[in-house]
Amino acid sequence: MLNSEQLDVSASSQPDHVLSESEDSIHFEWNNDLEPVLTVQPGDTVRFECRVGGNEQITPDSTVDDVVELDPDHIHPLSGPVAIEGARPGDVLEVTIVEMEHHGWGWTAFRPGETGLGLLPEEFPDPYLHIWDLEEDVAPFVNGIEIPLDPFPGNFGVAPAEDGSHSTIPPRRVGGNMDVKHHTVGATVSFPVAVEDALFRACPRNIGRELT
């Protein structure tokens, strides 16, 4: 998992709407009871200004000690919900990713133990953190390894039909944590609408296509 500081998804140089990363627009659950922070018309372009994965618990100055203290309930700061006027259950919401931007850095981490984080945490005895420099077209790692940058949103979709709070960790029928590396600029993703106005939200964070 390589998390960018911010990404702009479904953005353009002159979007119809801008959704900032304010406290009012950030949440950490899939829940159809959350009130929309923005209402748009079908065909509108929305610029999402998203927070870093981990909700600012990791910064460019972080150390591995910060990984140990990470709150797993705040890994995916979702931006939204955005209501699409007229969307109804049974409809399909098509979202086209027009443009994506990062802000120069990202992070990858894993943590072992019962509160494991990352891939195969049981295989590693110690936590690990890598801060990435994303200023160029590649992200240098270690031992001369370079990861080509090809950003895609990891966690986005519409509200589920089921009431209550649902985790942001798994993918689900209406989207969620899909981590599909083909969801890059130019891709159109179709989401089955399960509730009135769809209630779309996004948590863009993946930068290195070769990491998934």
N, C-alpha and C. Protein backbone atom coordinates (compact mmCIF):
# COMPACT_ATOMS: atom_id res chain seq x y z
N MET A 1 0.86 -1.19 0.00
CA MET A 1 0.00 0.00 0.00
C MET A 1 0.88 1.23 0.00
N LEU A 2 0.77 2.06 -1.02
CA LEU A 2 1.50 3.30 -1.09
C LEU A 2 0.48 4.42 -1.05
N ASN A 3 0.50 5.20 0.01
CA ASN A 3 -0.51 6.23 0.22
C ASN A 3 0.01 7.60 -0.15
N SER A 4 -0.69 8.31 -0.99
CA SER A 4 -0.30 9.68 -1.32
C SER A 4 -0.89 10.64 -0.30
N GLU A 5 -0.29 11.81 -0.21
CA GLU A 5 -0.79 12.79 0.74
C GLU A 5 -2.18 13.25 0.34
N GLN A 6 -2.33 13.59 -0.93
CA GLN A 6 -3.64 13.97 -1.42
C GLN A 6 -3.74 13.56 -2.88
N LEU A 7 -4.94 13.31 -3.33
CA LEU A 7 -5.19 13.05 -4.73
C LEU A 7 -6.47 13.76 -5.11
N ASP A 8 -6.54 14.18 -6.36
CA ASP A 8 -7.76 14.77 -6.87
C ASP A 8 -8.35 13.78 -7.86
N VAL A 9 -9.51 13.23 -7.51
CA VAL A 9 -10.16 12.22 -8.34
C VAL A 9 -11.38 12.81 -9.01
N SER A 10 -11.63 12.35 -10.24
CA SER A 10 -12.72 12.91 -11.02
C SER A 10 -12.61 14.43 -11.03
N ALA A 11 -11.42 14.89 -11.35
CA ALA A 11 -11.13 16.32 -11.29
C ALA A 11 -10.85 16.86 -12.68
N SER A 12 -10.93 18.15 -12.83
CA SER A 12 -10.50 18.82 -14.05
C SER A 12 -10.00 20.18 -13.65
N SER A 13 -9.38 20.91 -14.60
CA SER A 13 -8.85 22.23 -14.27
C SER A 13 -9.96 23.19 -13.89
N GLN A 14 -11.15 22.96 -14.38
CA GLN A 14 -12.29 23.80 -14.02
C GLN A 14 -13.48 22.91 -13.65
N PRO A 15 -13.44 22.31 -12.48
CA PRO A 15 -14.54 21.41 -12.08
C PRO A 15 -15.80 22.20 -11.76
N ASP A 16 -16.93 21.52 -11.80
CA ASP A 16 -18.19 22.16 -11.42
C ASP A 16 -18.28 22.35 -9.91
N HIS A 17 -17.60 21.47 -9.15
CA HIS A 17 -17.64 21.53 -7.69
C HIS A 17 -16.28 21.14 -7.14
N VAL A 18 -15.96 21.66 -5.96
CA VAL A 18 -14.75 21.28 -5.24
C VAL A 18 -15.15 20.84 -3.84
N LEU A 19 -14.74 19.63 -3.46
CA LEU A 19 -15.00 19.13 -2.12
C LEU A 19 -13.69 19.13 -1.36
N SER A 20 -13.58 20.02 -0.38
CA SER A 20 -12.34 20.16 0.37
C SER A 20 -12.21 19.05 1.41
N GLU A 21 -11.03 18.94 2.01
CA GLU A 21 -10.77 17.92 3.02
C GLU A 21 -11.09 18.44 4.42
N SER A 22 -12.19 19.16 4.56
CA SER A 22 -12.59 19.69 5.86
C SER A 22 -13.14 18.58 6.74
N GLU A 23 -13.23 18.87 8.04
CA GLU A 23 -13.76 17.87 8.97
C GLU A 23 -15.17 17.44 8.61
N ASP A 24 -15.96 18.37 8.05
CA ASP A 24 -17.35 18.06 7.72
C ASP A 24 -17.48 17.01 6.62
N SER A 25 -16.45 16.88 5.78
CA SER A 25 -16.55 15.98 4.64
C SER A 25 -15.77 14.68 4.83
N ILE A 26 -15.13 14.49 5.98
CA ILE A 26 -14.32 13.31 6.22
C ILE A 26 -15.03 12.37 7.19
N HIS A 27 -15.05 11.09 6.86
CA HIS A 27 -15.62 10.07 7.74
C HIS A 27 -14.90 8.75 7.51
N PHE A 28 -15.18 7.76 8.35
CA PHE A 28 -14.38 6.53 8.36
C PHE A 28 -15.27 5.28 8.36
N GLU A 29 -16.37 5.36 7.65
CA GLU A 29 -17.29 4.25 7.60
C GLU A 29 -18.14 4.35 6.34
N TRP A 30 -18.67 3.19 5.91
CA TRP A 30 -19.71 3.18 4.88
C TRP A 30 -21.04 3.13 5.62
N ASN A 31 -21.84 4.15 5.44
CA ASN A 31 -23.08 4.28 6.22
C ASN A 31 -24.07 5.09 5.40
N ASN A 32 -25.22 4.51 5.11
CA ASN A 32 -26.20 5.23 4.28
C ASN A 32 -26.99 6.28 5.04
N ASP A 33 -26.68 6.43 6.34
CA ASP A 33 -27.39 7.41 7.16
C ASP A 33 -26.65 8.74 7.24
N LEU A 34 -25.45 8.82 6.66
CA LEU A 34 -24.68 10.06 6.70
C LEU A 34 -25.28 11.08 5.73
N GLU A 35 -25.41 12.31 6.20
CA GLU A 35 -25.98 13.37 5.37
C GLU A 35 -24.98 13.80 4.30
N PRO A 36 -25.43 14.05 3.07
CA PRO A 36 -24.50 14.50 2.03
C PRO A 36 -23.96 15.89 2.33
N VAL A 37 -22.69 16.10 1.98
CA VAL A 37 -22.07 17.41 2.16
C VAL A 37 -22.09 18.21 0.87
N LEU A 38 -22.52 17.56 -0.22
CA LEU A 38 -22.57 18.21 -1.52
C LEU A 38 -23.61 17.49 -2.37
N THR A 39 -24.39 18.24 -3.13
CA THR A 39 -25.35 17.67 -4.08
C THR A 39 -25.00 18.14 -5.47
N VAL A 40 -24.90 17.20 -6.42
CA VAL A 40 -24.50 17.52 -7.78
C VAL A 40 -25.52 16.95 -8.75
N GLN A 41 -25.42 17.40 -9.99
CA GLN A 41 -26.27 16.91 -11.07
C GLN A 41 -25.52 15.83 -11.86
N PRO A 42 -26.24 14.88 -12.46
CA PRO A 42 -25.56 13.91 -13.32
C PRO A 42 -24.75 14.62 -14.40
N GLY A 43 -23.53 14.18 -14.60
CA GLY A 43 -22.65 14.80 -15.59
C GLY A 43 -21.73 15.86 -15.03
N ASP A 44 -21.96 16.30 -13.78
CA ASP A 44 -21.08 17.29 -13.16
C ASP A 44 -19.70 16.69 -12.89
N THR A 45 -18.70 17.57 -12.85
CA THR A 45 -17.33 17.17 -12.51
C THR A 45 -17.04 17.68 -11.10
N VAL A 46 -16.51 16.80 -10.27
CA VAL A 46 -16.23 17.13 -8.87
C VAL A 46 -14.75 16.91 -8.59
N ARG A 47 -14.13 17.90 -8.00
CA ARG A 47 -12.74 17.77 -7.55
C ARG A 47 -12.75 17.38 -6.07
N PHE A 48 -12.22 16.20 -5.77
CA PHE A 48 -12.10 15.72 -4.39
C PHE A 48 -10.69 16.03 -3.89
N GLU A 49 -10.61 16.81 -2.83
CA GLU A 49 -9.33 17.07 -2.18
C GLU A 49 -9.26 16.17 -0.95
N CYS A 50 -8.49 15.10 -1.07
CA CYS A 50 -8.55 14.03 -0.09
C CYS A 50 -7.35 14.04 0.85
N ARG A 51 -7.58 13.50 2.03
CA ARG A 51 -6.51 13.41 3.02
C ARG A 51 -5.62 12.20 2.77
N VAL A 52 -4.45 12.26 3.36
CA VAL A 52 -3.53 11.14 3.31
C VAL A 52 -4.16 9.91 3.96
N GLY A 53 -3.88 8.72 3.41
CA GLY A 53 -4.30 7.50 4.07
C GLY A 53 -3.73 7.46 5.48
N GLY A 54 -4.57 7.07 6.42
CA GLY A 54 -4.17 7.12 7.82
C GLY A 54 -4.63 8.37 8.52
N ASN A 55 -5.25 9.28 7.75
CA ASN A 55 -5.82 10.51 8.31
C ASN A 55 -4.78 11.33 9.08
N GLU A 56 -3.64 11.56 8.43
CA GLU A 56 -2.58 12.42 8.96
C GLU A 56 -1.88 11.84 10.19
N GLN A 57 -2.09 10.55 10.45
CA GLN A 57 -1.33 9.90 11.52
C GLN A 57 0.12 9.66 11.10
N ILE A 58 0.34 9.58 9.78
CA ILE A 58 1.68 9.46 9.23
C ILE A 58 2.00 10.74 8.46
N THR A 59 3.18 11.30 8.69
CA THR A 59 3.64 12.51 8.01
C THR A 59 5.01 12.22 7.39
N PRO A 60 5.54 13.14 6.58
CA PRO A 60 6.89 12.91 6.02
C PRO A 60 7.98 12.76 7.08
N ASP A 61 7.71 13.23 8.29
CA ASP A 61 8.69 13.14 9.38
C ASP A 61 8.44 11.96 10.31
N SER A 62 7.48 11.11 10.00
CA SER A 62 7.14 10.00 10.88
C SER A 62 8.26 8.97 10.95
N THR A 63 8.24 8.20 12.04
CA THR A 63 9.16 7.08 12.21
C THR A 63 8.33 5.81 12.38
N VAL A 64 9.02 4.69 12.50
CA VAL A 64 8.32 3.42 12.66
C VAL A 64 7.51 3.38 13.95
N ASP A 65 7.88 4.20 14.93
CA ASP A 65 7.10 4.27 16.17
C ASP A 65 5.68 4.74 15.91
N ASP A 66 5.50 5.59 14.88
CA ASP A 66 4.15 6.06 14.56
C ASP A 66 3.29 4.95 13.96
N VAL A 67 3.93 3.99 13.31
CA VAL A 67 3.19 2.85 12.76
C VAL A 67 2.61 2.02 13.90
N VAL A 68 3.39 1.85 14.97
CA VAL A 68 2.93 1.08 16.12
C VAL A 68 1.69 1.70 16.73
N GLU A 69 1.60 3.04 16.69
CA GLU A 69 0.51 3.76 17.33
C GLU A 69 -0.67 4.03 16.39
N LEU A 70 -0.59 3.60 15.15
CA LEU A 70 -1.65 3.88 14.17
C LEU A 70 -3.01 3.36 14.65
N ASP A 71 -4.03 4.20 14.53
CA ASP A 71 -5.39 3.79 14.82
C ASP A 71 -5.98 3.14 13.57
N PRO A 72 -6.22 1.84 13.57
CA PRO A 72 -6.70 1.17 12.36
C PRO A 72 -8.10 1.62 11.94
N ASP A 73 -8.85 2.21 12.84
CA ASP A 73 -10.19 2.68 12.50
C ASP A 73 -10.16 3.98 11.70
N HIS A 74 -8.96 4.58 11.55
CA HIS A 74 -8.83 5.83 10.81
C HIS A 74 -7.84 5.71 9.66
N ILE A 75 -7.77 4.51 9.07
CA ILE A 75 -6.86 4.29 7.95
C ILE A 75 -7.41 4.91 6.66
N HIS A 76 -8.73 4.84 6.47
CA HIS A 76 -9.34 5.30 5.22
C HIS A 76 -10.23 6.52 5.45
N PRO A 77 -9.70 7.72 5.34
CA PRO A 77 -10.55 8.91 5.45
C PRO A 77 -11.34 9.14 4.16
N LEU A 78 -12.61 8.79 4.18
CA LEU A 78 -13.46 8.95 3.01
C LEU A 78 -13.95 10.38 2.88
N SER A 79 -13.96 10.90 1.66
CA SER A 79 -14.46 12.25 1.38
C SER A 79 -15.86 12.16 0.81
N GLY A 80 -16.81 12.86 1.44
CA GLY A 80 -18.20 12.83 1.00
C GLY A 80 -19.14 12.84 2.19
N PRO A 81 -20.34 12.32 2.05
CA PRO A 81 -20.92 11.77 0.83
C PRO A 81 -21.36 12.88 -0.14
N VAL A 82 -21.37 12.53 -1.42
CA VAL A 82 -21.86 13.42 -2.46
C VAL A 82 -23.15 12.82 -3.02
N ALA A 83 -24.23 13.60 -2.94
CA ALA A 83 -25.52 13.16 -3.47
C ALA A 83 -25.60 13.48 -4.96
N ILE A 84 -26.04 12.51 -5.75
CA ILE A 84 -26.27 12.73 -7.17
C ILE A 84 -27.77 12.88 -7.37
N GLU A 85 -28.18 14.06 -7.71
CA GLU A 85 -29.61 14.38 -7.83
C GLU A 85 -30.30 13.42 -8.79
N GLY A 86 -31.35 12.78 -8.28
CA GLY A 86 -32.17 11.92 -9.12
C GLY A 86 -31.75 10.46 -9.16
N ALA A 87 -30.59 10.12 -8.59
CA ALA A 87 -30.15 8.72 -8.59
C ALA A 87 -31.04 7.90 -7.66
N ARG A 88 -31.46 6.74 -8.10
CA ARG A 88 -32.37 5.91 -7.33
C ARG A 88 -31.89 4.46 -7.34
N PRO A 89 -32.26 3.67 -6.33
CA PRO A 89 -31.88 2.26 -6.33
C PRO A 89 -32.29 1.57 -7.62
N GLY A 90 -31.39 0.79 -8.16
CA GLY A 90 -31.61 0.15 -9.45
C GLY A 90 -30.89 0.87 -10.58
N ASP A 91 -30.53 2.15 -10.37
CA ASP A 91 -29.73 2.87 -11.36
C ASP A 91 -28.27 2.43 -11.29
N VAL A 92 -27.50 2.87 -12.26
CA VAL A 92 -26.05 2.65 -12.26
C VAL A 92 -25.37 4.01 -12.34
N LEU A 93 -24.47 4.28 -11.40
CA LEU A 93 -23.70 5.52 -11.41
C LEU A 93 -22.36 5.26 -12.10
N GLU A 94 -22.10 5.99 -13.19
CA GLU A 94 -20.82 5.88 -13.88
C GLU A 94 -19.93 7.04 -13.48
N VAL A 95 -18.74 6.72 -12.97
CA VAL A 95 -17.78 7.72 -12.52
C VAL A 95 -16.54 7.64 -13.41
N THR A 96 -16.22 8.72 -14.08
CA THR A 96 -15.03 8.77 -14.93
C THR A 96 -13.93 9.53 -14.20
N ILE A 97 -12.76 8.93 -14.13
CA ILE A 97 -11.60 9.57 -13.50
C ILE A 97 -10.92 10.43 -14.56
N VAL A 98 -11.05 11.73 -14.41
CA VAL A 98 -10.58 12.66 -15.43
C VAL A 98 -9.13 13.07 -15.19
N GLU A 99 -8.77 13.27 -13.95
CA GLU A 99 -7.43 13.74 -13.63
C GLU A 99 -7.10 13.36 -12.19
N MET A 100 -5.82 13.09 -11.92
CA MET A 100 -5.39 12.78 -10.56
C MET A 100 -4.07 13.49 -10.29
N GLU A 101 -3.90 13.98 -9.07
CA GLU A 101 -2.68 14.66 -8.69
C GLU A 101 -2.24 14.18 -7.31
N HIS A 102 -0.93 14.11 -7.11
CA HIS A 102 -0.41 13.85 -5.77
C HIS A 102 0.35 15.09 -5.31
N HIS A 103 0.72 15.08 -4.04
CA HIS A 103 1.38 16.25 -3.47
C HIS A 103 2.78 15.95 -2.97
N GLY A 104 3.46 15.06 -3.68
CA GLY A 104 4.90 14.95 -3.49
C GLY A 104 5.42 13.90 -2.55
N TRP A 105 4.55 13.24 -1.79
CA TRP A 105 5.06 12.20 -0.88
C TRP A 105 3.99 11.15 -0.64
N GLY A 106 4.42 10.02 -0.10
CA GLY A 106 3.50 8.95 0.26
C GLY A 106 4.15 8.05 1.30
N TRP A 107 3.44 7.02 1.71
CA TRP A 107 4.01 6.10 2.70
C TRP A 107 3.52 4.68 2.50
N THR A 108 4.37 3.74 2.90
CA THR A 108 4.03 2.32 2.93
C THR A 108 4.43 1.79 4.30
N ALA A 109 3.60 0.96 4.90
CA ALA A 109 3.91 0.44 6.23
C ALA A 109 3.27 -0.92 6.43
N PHE A 110 3.81 -1.68 7.36
CA PHE A 110 3.11 -2.84 7.88
C PHE A 110 3.41 -2.96 9.37
N ARG A 111 2.52 -3.64 10.07
CA ARG A 111 2.64 -3.82 11.51
C ARG A 111 2.24 -5.25 11.85
N PRO A 112 3.08 -5.98 12.59
CA PRO A 112 2.76 -7.36 12.94
C PRO A 112 1.84 -7.44 14.14
N GLY A 113 1.47 -8.67 14.50
CA GLY A 113 0.69 -8.88 15.72
C GLY A 113 -0.80 -8.94 15.48
N GLU A 114 -1.56 -8.94 16.58
CA GLU A 114 -3.02 -9.06 16.52
C GLU A 114 -3.65 -7.87 15.81
N THR A 115 -3.02 -6.71 15.89
CA THR A 115 -3.52 -5.52 15.18
C THR A 115 -2.73 -5.31 13.91
N GLY A 116 -2.46 -6.41 13.20
CA GLY A 116 -1.62 -6.37 12.02
C GLY A 116 -2.12 -5.41 10.96
N LEU A 117 -1.18 -4.83 10.24
CA LEU A 117 -1.48 -3.88 9.17
C LEU A 117 -0.61 -4.24 7.98
N GLY A 118 -1.21 -4.27 6.78
CA GLY A 118 -0.45 -4.58 5.59
C GLY A 118 -0.54 -6.04 5.22
N LEU A 119 0.21 -6.41 4.20
CA LEU A 119 0.15 -7.77 3.65
C LEU A 119 0.98 -8.73 4.50
N LEU A 120 0.40 -9.87 4.88
CA LEU A 120 1.08 -10.94 5.61
C LEU A 120 1.79 -10.45 6.87
N PRO A 121 1.09 -9.75 7.76
CA PRO A 121 1.76 -9.23 8.96
C PRO A 121 2.33 -10.32 9.85
N GLU A 122 1.77 -11.53 9.75
CA GLU A 122 2.26 -12.62 10.58
C GLU A 122 3.65 -13.09 10.14
N GLU A 123 4.08 -12.68 8.96
CA GLU A 123 5.38 -13.13 8.45
C GLU A 123 6.53 -12.23 8.88
N PHE A 124 6.23 -11.12 9.52
CA PHE A 124 7.28 -10.16 9.85
C PHE A 124 7.24 -9.85 11.35
N PRO A 125 8.38 -9.94 12.02
CA PRO A 125 8.41 -9.73 13.47
C PRO A 125 8.39 -8.26 13.89
N ASP A 126 8.78 -7.36 12.98
CA ASP A 126 8.92 -5.96 13.36
C ASP A 126 8.11 -5.06 12.42
N PRO A 127 7.62 -3.94 12.90
CA PRO A 127 6.93 -2.98 12.03
C PRO A 127 7.92 -2.30 11.09
N TYR A 128 7.37 -1.72 10.03
CA TYR A 128 8.22 -1.08 9.01
C TYR A 128 7.48 0.12 8.44
N LEU A 129 8.24 1.16 8.10
CA LEU A 129 7.68 2.35 7.46
C LEU A 129 8.64 2.85 6.40
N HIS A 130 8.11 3.16 5.23
CA HIS A 130 8.90 3.80 4.18
C HIS A 130 8.17 5.05 3.71
N ILE A 131 8.86 6.18 3.73
CA ILE A 131 8.32 7.44 3.20
C ILE A 131 8.85 7.60 1.78
N TRP A 132 7.92 7.84 0.84
CA TRP A 132 8.26 7.91 -0.57
C TRP A 132 8.37 9.36 -1.05
N ASP A 133 9.33 9.60 -1.93
CA ASP A 133 9.46 10.87 -2.65
C ASP A 133 8.77 10.71 -3.99
N LEU A 134 7.70 11.48 -4.20
CA LEU A 134 6.90 11.34 -5.42
C LEU A 134 7.06 12.53 -6.36
N GLU A 135 8.20 13.20 -6.31
CA GLU A 135 8.38 14.39 -7.12
C GLU A 135 8.60 14.08 -8.60
N GLU A 136 9.06 12.88 -8.92
CA GLU A 136 9.36 12.52 -10.29
C GLU A 136 8.31 11.53 -10.80
N ASP A 137 8.56 10.94 -11.97
CA ASP A 137 7.64 9.97 -12.55
C ASP A 137 7.78 8.59 -11.93
N VAL A 138 8.81 8.42 -11.11
CA VAL A 138 9.00 7.17 -10.40
C VAL A 138 9.25 7.48 -8.93
N ALA A 139 9.02 6.48 -8.09
CA ALA A 139 9.28 6.62 -6.66
C ALA A 139 10.44 5.70 -6.31
N PRO A 140 11.61 6.25 -5.94
CA PRO A 140 12.74 5.39 -5.58
C PRO A 140 12.49 4.67 -4.26
N PHE A 141 12.87 3.40 -4.23
CA PHE A 141 12.72 2.58 -3.02
C PHE A 141 14.11 2.32 -2.45
N VAL A 142 14.55 1.09 -2.36
CA VAL A 142 15.87 0.75 -1.85
C VAL A 142 16.59 -0.13 -2.87
N ASN A 143 17.92 -0.20 -2.76
CA ASN A 143 18.74 -1.06 -3.62
C ASN A 143 18.50 -0.78 -5.10
N GLY A 144 18.26 0.48 -5.43
CA GLY A 144 18.08 0.87 -6.82
C GLY A 144 16.71 0.58 -7.40
N ILE A 145 15.78 0.08 -6.59
CA ILE A 145 14.43 -0.22 -7.07
C ILE A 145 13.64 1.07 -7.27
N GLU A 146 12.96 1.19 -8.40
CA GLU A 146 12.12 2.35 -8.69
C GLU A 146 10.72 1.87 -9.05
N ILE A 147 9.71 2.52 -8.47
CA ILE A 147 8.30 2.18 -8.73
C ILE A 147 7.70 3.22 -9.67
N PRO A 148 7.27 2.83 -10.88
CA PRO A 148 6.61 3.80 -11.77
C PRO A 148 5.33 4.33 -11.14
N LEU A 149 5.10 5.62 -11.27
CA LEU A 149 3.89 6.22 -10.71
C LEU A 149 2.75 6.12 -11.70
N ASP A 150 1.64 5.58 -11.23
CA ASP A 150 0.43 5.45 -12.05
C ASP A 150 -0.76 5.44 -11.10
N PRO A 151 -1.18 6.61 -10.62
CA PRO A 151 -2.14 6.68 -9.51
C PRO A 151 -3.52 6.12 -9.83
N PHE A 152 -4.13 5.58 -8.79
CA PHE A 152 -5.51 5.10 -8.89
C PHE A 152 -6.15 5.18 -7.51
N PRO A 153 -7.47 5.43 -7.45
CA PRO A 153 -8.15 5.48 -6.16
C PRO A 153 -8.31 4.08 -5.58
N GLY A 154 -8.04 3.94 -4.30
CA GLY A 154 -8.14 2.63 -3.68
C GLY A 154 -9.53 2.33 -3.14
N ASN A 155 -10.20 3.35 -2.62
CA ASN A 155 -11.42 3.12 -1.86
C ASN A 155 -12.46 4.15 -2.28
N PHE A 156 -13.42 3.74 -3.12
CA PHE A 156 -14.47 4.67 -3.54
C PHE A 156 -15.70 3.89 -3.94
N GLY A 157 -16.85 4.57 -3.93
CA GLY A 157 -18.08 3.89 -4.26
C GLY A 157 -19.28 4.65 -3.74
N VAL A 158 -20.40 3.95 -3.63
CA VAL A 158 -21.65 4.55 -3.17
C VAL A 158 -22.12 3.83 -1.91
N ALA A 159 -23.11 4.43 -1.24
CA ALA A 159 -23.56 3.89 0.05
C ALA A 159 -24.24 2.53 -0.12
N PRO A 160 -24.02 1.62 0.83
CA PRO A 160 -24.68 0.31 0.78
C PRO A 160 -26.15 0.42 1.17
N ALA A 161 -26.93 -0.55 0.75
CA ALA A 161 -28.36 -0.57 1.11
C ALA A 161 -28.56 -0.93 2.57
N GLU A 162 -27.64 -1.73 3.12
CA GLU A 162 -27.77 -2.19 4.50
C GLU A 162 -27.53 -1.03 5.47
N ASP A 163 -28.40 -0.89 6.46
CA ASP A 163 -28.26 0.19 7.44
C ASP A 163 -27.08 -0.08 8.37
N GLY A 164 -26.66 0.98 9.05
CA GLY A 164 -25.61 0.86 10.04
C GLY A 164 -24.23 1.20 9.50
N SER A 165 -23.24 1.10 10.38
CA SER A 165 -21.86 1.41 10.05
C SER A 165 -21.15 0.17 9.52
N HIS A 166 -20.45 0.33 8.39
CA HIS A 166 -19.73 -0.79 7.77
C HIS A 166 -18.26 -0.41 7.57
N SER A 167 -17.38 -1.38 7.73
CA SER A 167 -15.95 -1.16 7.65
C SER A 167 -15.52 -0.68 6.27
N THR A 168 -14.45 0.13 6.25
CA THR A 168 -13.86 0.57 4.98
C THR A 168 -12.82 -0.41 4.47
N ILE A 169 -12.53 -1.47 5.21
CA ILE A 169 -11.44 -2.37 4.83
C ILE A 169 -11.78 -3.25 3.63
N PRO A 170 -12.93 -3.96 3.59
CA PRO A 170 -13.16 -4.86 2.45
C PRO A 170 -13.81 -4.13 1.27
N PRO A 171 -13.66 -4.71 0.07
CA PRO A 171 -14.49 -4.27 -1.05
C PRO A 171 -15.91 -4.79 -0.84
N ARG A 172 -16.86 -4.20 -1.56
CA ARG A 172 -18.25 -4.64 -1.43
C ARG A 172 -18.96 -4.41 -2.75
N ARG A 173 -20.20 -4.83 -2.82
CA ARG A 173 -20.97 -4.75 -4.07
C ARG A 173 -21.03 -3.34 -4.62
N VAL A 174 -21.06 -2.34 -3.74
CA VAL A 174 -21.21 -0.95 -4.17
C VAL A 174 -19.88 -0.21 -4.26
N GLY A 175 -18.77 -0.94 -4.22
CA GLY A 175 -17.45 -0.31 -4.33
C GLY A 175 -16.58 -0.68 -3.15
N GLY A 176 -16.15 0.35 -2.40
CA GLY A 176 -15.32 0.10 -1.23
C GLY A 176 -13.85 -0.01 -1.57
N ASN A 177 -13.12 -0.77 -0.77
CA ASN A 177 -11.67 -0.85 -0.87
C ASN A 177 -11.27 -1.85 -1.96
N MET A 178 -11.44 -1.43 -3.21
CA MET A 178 -11.22 -2.33 -4.34
C MET A 178 -9.76 -2.45 -4.73
N ASP A 179 -9.01 -1.35 -4.66
CA ASP A 179 -7.58 -1.36 -5.01
C ASP A 179 -7.34 -1.98 -6.39
N VAL A 180 -8.09 -1.55 -7.38
CA VAL A 180 -7.93 -2.05 -8.74
C VAL A 180 -6.98 -1.12 -9.50
N LYS A 181 -5.82 -1.63 -9.89
CA LYS A 181 -4.79 -0.77 -10.47
C LYS A 181 -5.17 -0.23 -11.86
N HIS A 182 -6.23 -0.77 -12.45
CA HIS A 182 -6.68 -0.29 -13.76
C HIS A 182 -7.59 0.93 -13.65
N HIS A 183 -7.95 1.32 -12.42
CA HIS A 183 -8.80 2.50 -12.23
C HIS A 183 -7.95 3.77 -12.28
N THR A 184 -7.29 3.98 -13.40
CA THR A 184 -6.42 5.14 -13.58
C THR A 184 -7.15 6.20 -14.40
N VAL A 185 -6.45 7.30 -14.71
CA VAL A 185 -7.05 8.39 -15.46
C VAL A 185 -7.61 7.87 -16.78
N GLY A 186 -8.84 8.24 -17.06
CA GLY A 186 -9.53 7.80 -18.26
C GLY A 186 -10.48 6.65 -18.03
N ALA A 187 -10.35 5.97 -16.90
CA ALA A 187 -11.23 4.83 -16.61
C ALA A 187 -12.61 5.31 -16.19
N THR A 188 -13.64 4.57 -16.56
CA THR A 188 -15.01 4.80 -16.11
C THR A 188 -15.44 3.58 -15.30
N VAL A 189 -15.85 3.83 -14.07
CA VAL A 189 -16.22 2.76 -13.14
C VAL A 189 -17.73 2.85 -12.88
N SER A 190 -18.42 1.72 -12.96
CA SER A 190 -19.87 1.68 -12.78
C SER A 190 -20.21 1.13 -11.40
N PHE A 191 -21.05 1.86 -10.68
CA PHE A 191 -21.47 1.46 -9.34
C PHE A 191 -22.99 1.26 -9.31
N PRO A 192 -23.48 0.13 -8.80
CA PRO A 192 -24.92 -0.05 -8.67
C PRO A 192 -25.47 0.81 -7.53
N VAL A 193 -26.42 1.67 -7.83
CA VAL A 193 -26.99 2.57 -6.82
C VAL A 193 -27.90 1.77 -5.91
N ALA A 194 -27.67 1.89 -4.59
CA ALA A 194 -28.44 1.11 -3.62
C ALA A 194 -29.35 1.96 -2.77
N VAL A 195 -29.09 3.29 -2.73
CA VAL A 195 -29.91 4.19 -1.91
C VAL A 195 -30.21 5.45 -2.71
N GLU A 196 -31.19 6.19 -2.26
CA GLU A 196 -31.55 7.43 -2.93
C GLU A 196 -30.37 8.40 -2.98
N ASP A 197 -30.13 8.98 -4.16
CA ASP A 197 -29.06 9.95 -4.41
C ASP A 197 -27.67 9.32 -4.39
N ALA A 198 -27.57 8.03 -4.30
CA ALA A 198 -26.32 7.26 -4.43
C ALA A 198 -25.34 7.46 -3.28
N LEU A 199 -25.10 8.70 -2.88
CA LEU A 199 -24.18 9.03 -1.77
C LEU A 199 -22.77 8.49 -2.04
N PHE A 200 -22.14 9.07 -3.06
CA PHE A 200 -20.80 8.69 -3.47
C PHE A 200 -19.76 9.28 -2.54
N ARG A 201 -18.67 8.53 -2.33
CA ARG A 201 -17.53 9.06 -1.59
C ARG A 201 -16.26 8.39 -2.09
N ALA A 202 -15.10 9.02 -1.79
CA ALA A 202 -13.83 8.51 -2.30
C ALA A 202 -12.73 8.71 -1.29
N CYS A 203 -11.77 7.80 -1.35
CA CYS A 203 -10.56 7.90 -0.52
C CYS A 203 -9.38 7.53 -1.42
N PRO A 204 -8.94 8.43 -2.30
CA PRO A 204 -7.85 8.09 -3.21
C PRO A 204 -6.52 8.03 -2.47
N ARG A 205 -5.69 7.01 -2.80
CA ARG A 205 -4.46 6.92 -2.04
C ARG A 205 -3.36 6.11 -2.68
N ASN A 206 -3.62 5.35 -3.73
CA ASN A 206 -2.60 4.46 -4.27
C ASN A 206 -1.89 5.11 -5.45
N ILE A 207 -0.56 5.06 -5.42
CA ILE A 207 0.24 5.76 -6.43
C ILE A 207 1.03 4.80 -7.31
N GLY A 208 1.64 3.79 -6.71
CA GLY A 208 2.50 2.89 -7.47
C GLY A 208 1.74 1.71 -8.04
N ARG A 209 1.56 1.66 -9.33
CA ARG A 209 0.79 0.60 -9.96
C ARG A 209 1.44 -0.77 -9.73
N GLU A 210 2.75 -0.80 -9.60
CA GLU A 210 3.45 -2.07 -9.44
C GLU A 210 3.36 -2.62 -8.03
N LEU A 211 2.73 -1.87 -7.10
CA LEU A 211 2.70 -2.31 -5.72
C LEU A 211 1.47 -3.13 -5.39
N THR A 212 0.54 -3.33 -6.33
CA THR A 212 -0.67 -4.06 -6.00
C THR A 212 -0.82 -5.29 -6.90
